[in-house]
Amino acid sequence: MMLRPVSAAVNAALSTVLAFCTLAAATIASAQQPTTLYVGSYGGSTEKAFKEKLIPAFEAKHNARIVYVSGNSTDTLAKLQAQKGKQELNVVLLDDGPMYQAVQFGFCDKLGNQPVLKDLYPVARMTDSAVGVGIVAAGIAYNTEAFKKANLPPPDSWEVLTDKRFKQKVAIPPISNTYGLQTLLTFAKLRKGGDKNIDPGFTAMAREVGPNVLAWEPSPGKMTELFQNNDIMLAVWGSGRVQALKDTGFPVQFVIPKEGAPALLIAACPVAQNTAPALSQAFINYLLTPEVQAILADTQGWGPANSTTRLAPAVAAKVPYGKEQMDKLLPTDWTLVNEKRAEWTNRWNRTVER
């Protein structure tokens, strides 16, 4: 049997149907493709916790693919500066000092009007473009066993750093580290000065605190060694760092001094003019939910920024938690400090850390 030739009209119809099917398939495939979100944040244990405990659930719920770009705050801020006008990152997590710089430079978009923002402690509400997702306190760490052997009471004040009984038994990070900078600001306030009158702080650090300092130590690893080798009995350090050392079994305790403790915020912001603005807002909102806040407290030692977060007693003991402790945490005027930091660093190197 001979086949009749297909008419031109039928050919045209078949071509139209085929083109429509191809377009439909492409549209469906495109709709199913996850949106990629680039998150610039800390490495180490933070990266591990995000990848294992936080990112998978967010990706599944939002049909997203998160690329985690690790680096410290200085590294991430440098990326934002290098990529200005063509940002590759969508969300960044930085220490609060560098975050205020990022906001000042216009790298952060305004936060959406998310209901969860109303649940935050006041100290975590930074600007309309950045928010604290975790809270660490800068305070006093001490070797409980060494204090007991010396028959000394637990420290409860910043003034312990000036006690001559601890000569060459103290470690403090340098001014290039947030904890060192906040120690300077604290003593300025204790000596009737402040952010805008830093002279009393420098005098106290050079004459009262300095003689007791064995090392101006910026490295967490070296600070740990100083404690473990019994080179020091006291240090200025962050609550999260102290808890990490305590978790190894070392007899160390963190104290929020009675005069208060500077708060160090782990801050997040959606990057301005990024490729996935809605998803960026959703990710920050996700980080602020009570469930995620509890995970960050347990794995990172970050105090919850969300006041509705409920922690198990064992976790609550590790971090700044609850209204009473949050009320003792003192904010830093980073706008002023960032303007003065270079000048203060030069002065510190000449007069304090010589």
Protein backbone atom coordinates (compact mmCIF):
# COMPACT_ATOMS: atom_id res chain seq x y z
CA MET A 1 0.00 0.00 0.00
CA MET A 2 1.36 3.41 -0.95
CA LEU A 3 1.49 6.17 1.72
CA ARG A 4 -0.03 9.47 0.73
CA PRO A 5 2.26 12.48 1.11
CA VAL A 6 1.55 14.64 4.15
CA SER A 7 0.12 18.00 3.21
CA ALA A 8 1.96 21.24 3.95
CA ALA A 9 -0.88 22.29 6.25
CA VAL A 10 -0.50 19.17 8.37
CA ASN A 11 3.25 19.67 8.50
CA ALA A 12 2.75 23.22 9.73
CA ALA A 13 0.28 22.05 12.36
CA LEU A 14 2.65 19.37 13.58
CA SER A 15 5.49 21.91 13.81
CA THR A 16 3.32 24.26 15.84
CA VAL A 17 2.32 21.49 18.28
CA LEU A 18 5.95 20.36 18.61
CA ALA A 19 7.14 23.91 19.28
CA PHE A 20 4.40 24.40 21.91
CA CYS A 21 5.33 21.14 23.66
CA THR A 22 9.00 22.07 23.65
CA LEU A 23 8.23 25.50 25.12
CA ALA A 24 5.94 23.98 27.75
CA ALA A 25 8.58 21.45 28.74
CA ALA A 26 11.19 24.18 29.00
CA THR A 27 8.85 26.31 31.11
CA ILE A 28 8.13 23.42 33.49
CA ALA A 29 11.85 22.59 33.76
CA SER A 30 12.64 26.23 34.43
CA ALA A 31 9.98 26.42 37.15
CA GLN A 32 11.45 23.37 38.81
CA GLN A 33 15.01 24.69 38.79
CA PRO A 34 16.01 25.83 42.31
CA THR A 35 17.02 29.43 42.89
CA THR A 36 20.66 29.71 43.93
CA LEU A 37 21.45 31.77 47.02
CA TYR A 38 25.04 32.72 47.85
CA VAL A 39 25.59 33.14 51.60
CA GLY A 40 28.82 34.67 52.88
CA SER A 41 29.44 33.59 56.47
CA TYR A 42 31.95 32.21 58.97
CA GLY A 43 33.88 29.01 58.41
CA GLY A 44 34.71 26.29 60.92
CA SER A 45 31.96 25.08 63.24
CA THR A 46 29.51 27.65 61.86
CA GLU A 47 29.86 26.35 58.32
CA LYS A 48 29.45 22.78 59.59
CA ALA A 49 26.27 23.61 61.52
CA PHE A 50 24.75 25.51 58.61
CA LYS A 51 25.45 22.78 56.08
CA GLU A 52 24.34 19.91 58.31
CA LYS A 53 21.49 21.34 60.36
CA LEU A 54 20.09 24.49 58.73
CA ILE A 55 20.57 24.66 54.98
CA PRO A 56 18.90 21.36 53.93
CA ALA A 57 15.52 22.28 55.49
CA PHE A 58 15.55 25.75 53.95
CA GLU A 59 16.48 24.42 50.52
CA ALA A 60 13.66 21.87 50.61
CA LYS A 61 11.02 24.39 51.71
CA HIS A 62 11.97 27.14 49.25
CA ASN A 63 13.18 25.11 46.27
CA ALA A 64 16.56 26.77 46.71
CA ARG A 65 20.19 25.85 46.38
CA ILE A 66 22.51 27.54 48.83
CA VAL A 67 26.18 28.04 48.04
CA TYR A 68 28.05 28.70 51.30
CA VAL A 69 31.01 31.06 50.89
CA SER A 70 33.10 30.87 54.06
CA GLY A 71 35.38 33.56 55.42
CA ASN A 72 35.83 35.81 58.44
CA SER A 73 34.10 39.18 58.65
CA THR A 74 37.02 41.07 57.11
CA ASP A 75 37.18 38.65 54.16
CA THR A 76 33.45 38.87 53.48
CA LEU A 77 33.40 42.67 53.73
CA ALA A 78 36.32 42.77 51.27
CA LYS A 79 34.30 40.63 48.83
CA LEU A 80 31.41 43.10 49.02
CA GLN A 81 33.80 45.96 48.30
CA ALA A 82 35.46 44.12 45.40
CA GLN A 83 32.11 43.18 43.85
CA LYS A 84 30.49 46.60 44.28
CA GLY A 85 27.92 47.20 41.54
CA LYS A 86 27.85 43.52 40.61
CA GLN A 87 27.38 41.62 43.85
CA GLU A 88 27.67 37.83 43.78
CA LEU A 89 26.66 37.34 47.43
CA ASN A 90 23.00 37.49 48.41
CA VAL A 91 23.18 37.31 52.22
CA VAL A 92 26.12 38.02 54.52
CA LEU A 93 26.82 37.29 58.18
CA LEU A 94 29.40 39.56 59.81
CA ASP A 95 30.49 40.71 63.26
CA ASP A 96 28.59 43.84 64.19
CA GLY A 97 31.52 46.25 63.68
CA PRO A 98 32.15 45.27 60.05
CA MET A 99 28.37 45.02 59.50
CA TYR A 100 27.91 48.68 60.40
CA GLN A 101 30.60 49.45 57.82
CA ALA A 102 28.73 47.36 55.23
CA VAL A 103 25.55 49.34 55.97
CA GLN A 104 27.44 52.63 55.79
CA PHE A 105 28.91 51.68 52.40
CA GLY A 106 25.44 50.88 51.04
CA PHE A 107 26.02 47.13 50.69
CA CYS A 108 22.86 46.12 52.62
CA ASP A 109 19.25 46.25 51.44
CA LYS A 110 16.43 47.21 53.78
CA LEU A 111 14.90 44.37 55.76
CA GLY A 112 11.33 43.41 54.95
CA ASN A 113 8.53 44.01 57.42
CA GLN A 114 8.73 40.52 58.91
CA PRO A 115 6.68 39.83 62.09
CA VAL A 116 9.64 38.03 63.67
CA LEU A 117 11.55 41.32 63.89
CA LYS A 118 9.13 42.46 66.63
CA ASP A 119 10.23 39.52 68.80
CA LEU A 120 13.89 40.54 68.93
CA TYR A 121 15.65 41.87 72.01
CA PRO A 122 16.39 45.61 71.64
CA VAL A 123 20.16 44.96 71.58
CA ALA A 124 19.71 42.87 68.40
CA ARG A 125 17.88 45.58 66.47
CA MET A 126 20.74 47.23 64.66
CA THR A 127 19.44 49.23 61.68
CA ASP A 128 16.64 48.91 59.14
CA SER A 129 19.14 47.02 56.94
CA ALA A 130 20.89 44.68 59.39
CA VAL A 131 19.90 42.58 62.37
CA GLY A 132 21.60 40.50 65.03
CA VAL A 133 20.94 36.77 64.60
CA GLY A 134 23.11 35.77 67.55
CA ILE A 135 24.51 37.48 70.63
CA VAL A 136 27.84 36.91 72.35
CA ALA A 137 29.01 38.73 75.48
CA ALA A 138 32.54 40.03 76.01
CA GLY A 139 33.45 39.42 79.64
CA ILE A 140 35.82 37.72 82.04
CA ALA A 141 37.04 34.13 81.73
CA TYR A 142 38.81 32.57 84.69
CA ASN A 143 40.41 29.27 85.65
CA THR A 144 38.12 28.03 88.43
CA GLU A 145 40.62 25.45 89.68
CA ALA A 146 43.45 27.99 89.88
CA PHE A 147 41.23 30.44 91.75
CA LYS A 148 40.19 27.74 94.19
CA LYS A 149 43.79 26.72 94.87
CA ALA A 150 44.72 30.36 95.51
CA ASN A 151 41.68 30.75 97.78
CA LEU A 152 40.36 33.60 95.65
CA PRO A 153 36.68 34.49 95.20
CA PRO A 154 35.23 34.28 91.67
CA PRO A 155 35.68 37.56 89.80
CA ASP A 156 32.57 39.69 89.40
CA SER A 157 33.95 43.01 88.12
CA TRP A 158 36.11 44.40 85.34
CA GLU A 159 38.29 45.82 88.10
CA VAL A 160 39.77 42.35 88.68
CA LEU A 161 41.97 43.05 85.66
CA THR A 162 43.73 45.77 87.66
CA ASP A 163 44.31 43.58 90.76
CA LYS A 164 48.09 43.32 91.37
CA ARG A 165 47.67 39.72 92.53
CA PHE A 166 47.26 38.81 88.86
CA LYS A 167 50.45 40.39 87.56
CA GLN A 168 51.47 38.60 84.34
CA LYS A 169 48.51 36.24 84.77
CA VAL A 170 46.08 37.96 82.38
CA ALA A 171 45.54 37.72 78.63
CA ILE A 172 43.56 40.22 76.57
CA PRO A 173 43.16 40.35 72.78
CA PRO A 174 44.70 43.42 71.08
CA ILE A 175 42.69 46.37 69.80
CA SER A 176 42.55 44.78 66.34
CA ASN A 177 40.24 42.21 67.93
CA THR A 178 36.72 43.22 69.01
CA TYR A 179 37.25 41.94 72.56
CA GLY A 180 40.36 44.08 73.02
CA LEU A 181 38.65 47.14 71.59
CA GLN A 182 35.66 46.62 73.87
CA THR A 183 37.97 46.32 76.90
CA LEU A 184 39.37 49.76 76.07
CA LEU A 185 35.86 51.22 75.71
CA THR A 186 34.76 49.59 78.96
CA PHE A 187 37.60 51.08 80.99
CA ALA A 188 37.01 54.46 79.37
CA LYS A 189 33.46 54.37 80.76
CA LEU A 190 34.60 53.03 84.15
CA ARG A 191 37.02 55.95 84.45
CA LYS A 192 34.36 58.59 83.70
CA GLY A 193 35.09 58.80 80.00
CA GLY A 194 33.43 56.98 77.12
CA ASP A 195 33.30 56.51 73.36
CA LYS A 196 33.72 60.26 72.84
CA ASN A 197 36.32 60.66 75.59
CA ILE A 198 38.66 57.71 75.21
CA ASP A 199 41.66 59.20 77.09
CA PRO A 200 40.73 57.71 80.52
CA GLY A 201 40.48 54.29 78.87
CA PHE A 202 43.98 54.49 77.43
CA THR A 203 45.38 55.66 80.76
CA ALA A 204 43.74 52.76 82.59
CA MET A 205 44.87 50.19 80.02
CA ALA A 206 48.47 51.41 80.04
CA ARG A 207 48.93 52.00 83.77
CA GLU A 208 46.45 49.75 85.58
CA VAL A 209 45.65 46.81 83.34
CA GLY A 210 48.78 46.54 81.21
CA PRO A 211 51.19 45.47 84.00
CA ASN A 212 49.03 42.40 84.63
CA VAL A 213 48.92 41.32 80.98
CA LEU A 214 51.18 38.45 79.95
CA ALA A 215 49.96 38.40 76.35
CA TRP A 216 47.84 40.54 74.05
CA GLU A 217 46.57 37.44 72.29
CA PRO A 218 44.25 37.56 69.23
CA SER A 219 44.25 33.83 68.41
CA PRO A 220 41.57 31.64 70.03
CA GLY A 221 43.91 28.66 69.77
CA LYS A 222 46.77 30.46 71.53
CA MET A 223 44.40 31.81 74.19
CA THR A 224 43.31 28.24 74.86
CA GLU A 225 46.96 27.16 75.19
CA LEU A 226 47.68 29.95 77.67
CA PHE A 227 44.89 28.65 79.90
CA GLN A 228 45.78 24.99 79.48
CA ASN A 229 49.47 25.61 80.25
CA ASN A 230 48.48 27.55 83.39
CA ASP A 231 50.28 30.61 82.05
CA ILE A 232 47.22 32.74 82.81
CA MET A 233 44.37 32.72 85.31
CA LEU A 234 42.21 35.41 83.73
CA ALA A 235 41.30 36.63 80.26
CA VAL A 236 38.93 38.92 78.44
CA TRP A 237 37.10 36.71 75.98
CA GLY A 238 33.75 35.97 74.40
CA SER A 239 31.14 33.77 76.03
CA GLY A 240 31.07 31.42 73.04
CA ARG A 241 34.85 30.95 73.03
CA VAL A 242 34.88 30.24 76.75
CA GLN A 243 32.13 27.67 76.40
CA ALA A 244 34.04 25.90 73.64
CA LEU A 245 37.04 25.58 75.99
CA LYS A 246 34.81 24.48 78.85
CA ASP A 247 33.30 21.77 76.66
CA THR A 248 36.76 20.14 76.46
CA GLY A 249 36.67 19.59 80.22
CA PHE A 250 38.96 22.47 81.15
CA PRO A 251 37.94 24.22 84.42
CA VAL A 252 37.03 27.62 83.00
CA GLN A 253 34.04 29.84 83.66
CA PHE A 254 32.62 32.91 81.93
CA VAL A 255 31.40 35.89 83.95
CA ILE A 256 29.24 38.84 82.94
CA PRO A 257 30.71 41.54 85.23
CA LYS A 258 28.37 43.47 87.50
CA GLU A 259 29.07 46.66 85.52
CA GLY A 260 27.74 44.97 82.40
CA ALA A 261 29.33 43.34 79.36
CA PRO A 262 29.66 44.62 75.79
CA ALA A 263 27.51 42.71 73.35
CA LEU A 264 29.05 41.33 70.19
CA LEU A 265 26.37 40.65 67.60
CA ILE A 266 26.57 38.12 64.82
CA ALA A 267 24.71 40.17 62.26
CA ALA A 268 23.00 39.41 58.97
CA CYS A 269 21.85 41.55 56.08
CA PRO A 270 20.38 41.05 52.60
CA VAL A 271 22.88 42.36 50.06
CA ALA A 272 21.67 45.37 48.08
CA GLN A 273 20.90 44.86 44.40
CA ASN A 274 21.36 41.11 44.61
CA THR A 275 19.92 38.51 42.26
CA ALA A 276 17.47 36.90 44.71
CA PRO A 277 16.05 39.62 47.00
CA ALA A 278 12.92 37.75 48.14
CA LEU A 279 14.82 34.58 48.94
CA SER A 280 17.48 36.61 50.78
CA GLN A 281 14.81 38.11 53.04
CA ALA A 282 13.33 34.65 53.61
CA PHE A 283 16.70 33.22 54.65
CA ILE A 284 17.29 35.93 57.27
CA ASN A 285 13.76 35.44 58.54
CA TYR A 286 14.52 31.71 58.80
CA LEU A 287 17.64 32.36 60.87
CA LEU A 288 15.55 34.35 63.34
CA THR A 289 12.92 31.67 63.95
CA PRO A 290 12.96 30.19 67.48
CA GLU A 291 13.79 26.72 66.15
CA VAL A 292 16.90 27.88 64.29
CA GLN A 293 17.89 30.21 67.12
CA ALA A 294 17.91 27.21 69.48
CA ILE A 295 20.18 25.27 67.09
CA LEU A 296 22.59 28.20 66.84
CA ALA A 297 22.68 28.51 70.63
CA ASP A 298 23.46 24.82 71.04
CA THR A 299 26.03 24.48 68.25
CA GLN A 300 27.63 27.97 68.18
CA GLY A 301 27.17 29.37 71.67
CA TRP A 302 25.22 32.31 70.25
CA GLY A 303 22.65 33.75 72.61
CA PRO A 304 19.22 33.94 70.96
CA ALA A 305 18.29 37.30 69.45
CA ASN A 306 14.63 36.20 69.38
CA SER A 307 13.08 36.67 72.81
CA THR A 308 10.53 33.89 72.22
CA THR A 309 13.24 31.22 71.88
CA ARG A 310 13.13 28.55 74.57
CA LEU A 311 16.33 26.69 75.41
CA ALA A 312 16.92 23.51 77.36
CA PRO A 313 18.58 24.26 80.72
CA ALA A 314 21.90 22.73 79.61
CA VAL A 315 22.01 24.98 76.53
CA ALA A 316 20.74 28.07 78.38
CA ALA A 317 23.68 27.77 80.78
CA LYS A 318 26.11 28.17 77.86
CA VAL A 319 24.90 31.46 76.36
CA PRO A 320 23.52 34.90 77.17
CA TYR A 321 19.84 34.07 77.59
CA GLY A 322 16.73 35.70 78.97
CA LYS A 323 15.77 39.29 79.70
CA GLU A 324 17.84 39.60 82.89
CA GLN A 325 21.11 38.73 81.14
CA MET A 326 20.24 40.62 77.96
CA ASP A 327 19.63 43.78 80.01
CA LYS A 328 23.27 43.56 81.20
CA LEU A 329 24.64 43.56 77.65
CA LEU A 330 25.85 46.93 76.43
CA PRO A 331 25.73 48.04 72.77
CA THR A 332 28.71 49.61 71.02
CA ASP A 333 28.39 52.79 68.96
CA TRP A 334 30.08 51.27 65.94
CA THR A 335 29.45 54.29 63.73
CA LEU A 336 31.68 56.37 66.00
CA VAL A 337 34.13 53.56 66.77
CA ASN A 338 34.72 52.71 63.11
CA GLU A 339 35.59 56.36 62.44
CA LYS A 340 38.13 56.41 65.28
CA ARG A 341 39.50 52.87 65.14
CA ALA A 342 42.57 53.55 62.99
CA GLU A 343 43.57 56.50 65.18
CA TRP A 344 43.00 54.47 68.35
CA THR A 345 44.98 51.53 66.96
CA ASN A 346 48.03 53.71 66.34
CA ARG A 347 47.76 55.12 69.85
CA TRP A 348 47.31 51.64 71.36
CA ASN A 349 50.47 50.39 69.64
CA ARG A 350 52.45 53.35 71.00
CA THR A 351 51.14 53.46 74.55
CA VAL A 352 49.52 50.16 75.58
CA GLU A 353 50.96 47.22 73.68
CA ARG A 354 54.62 48.19 73.54
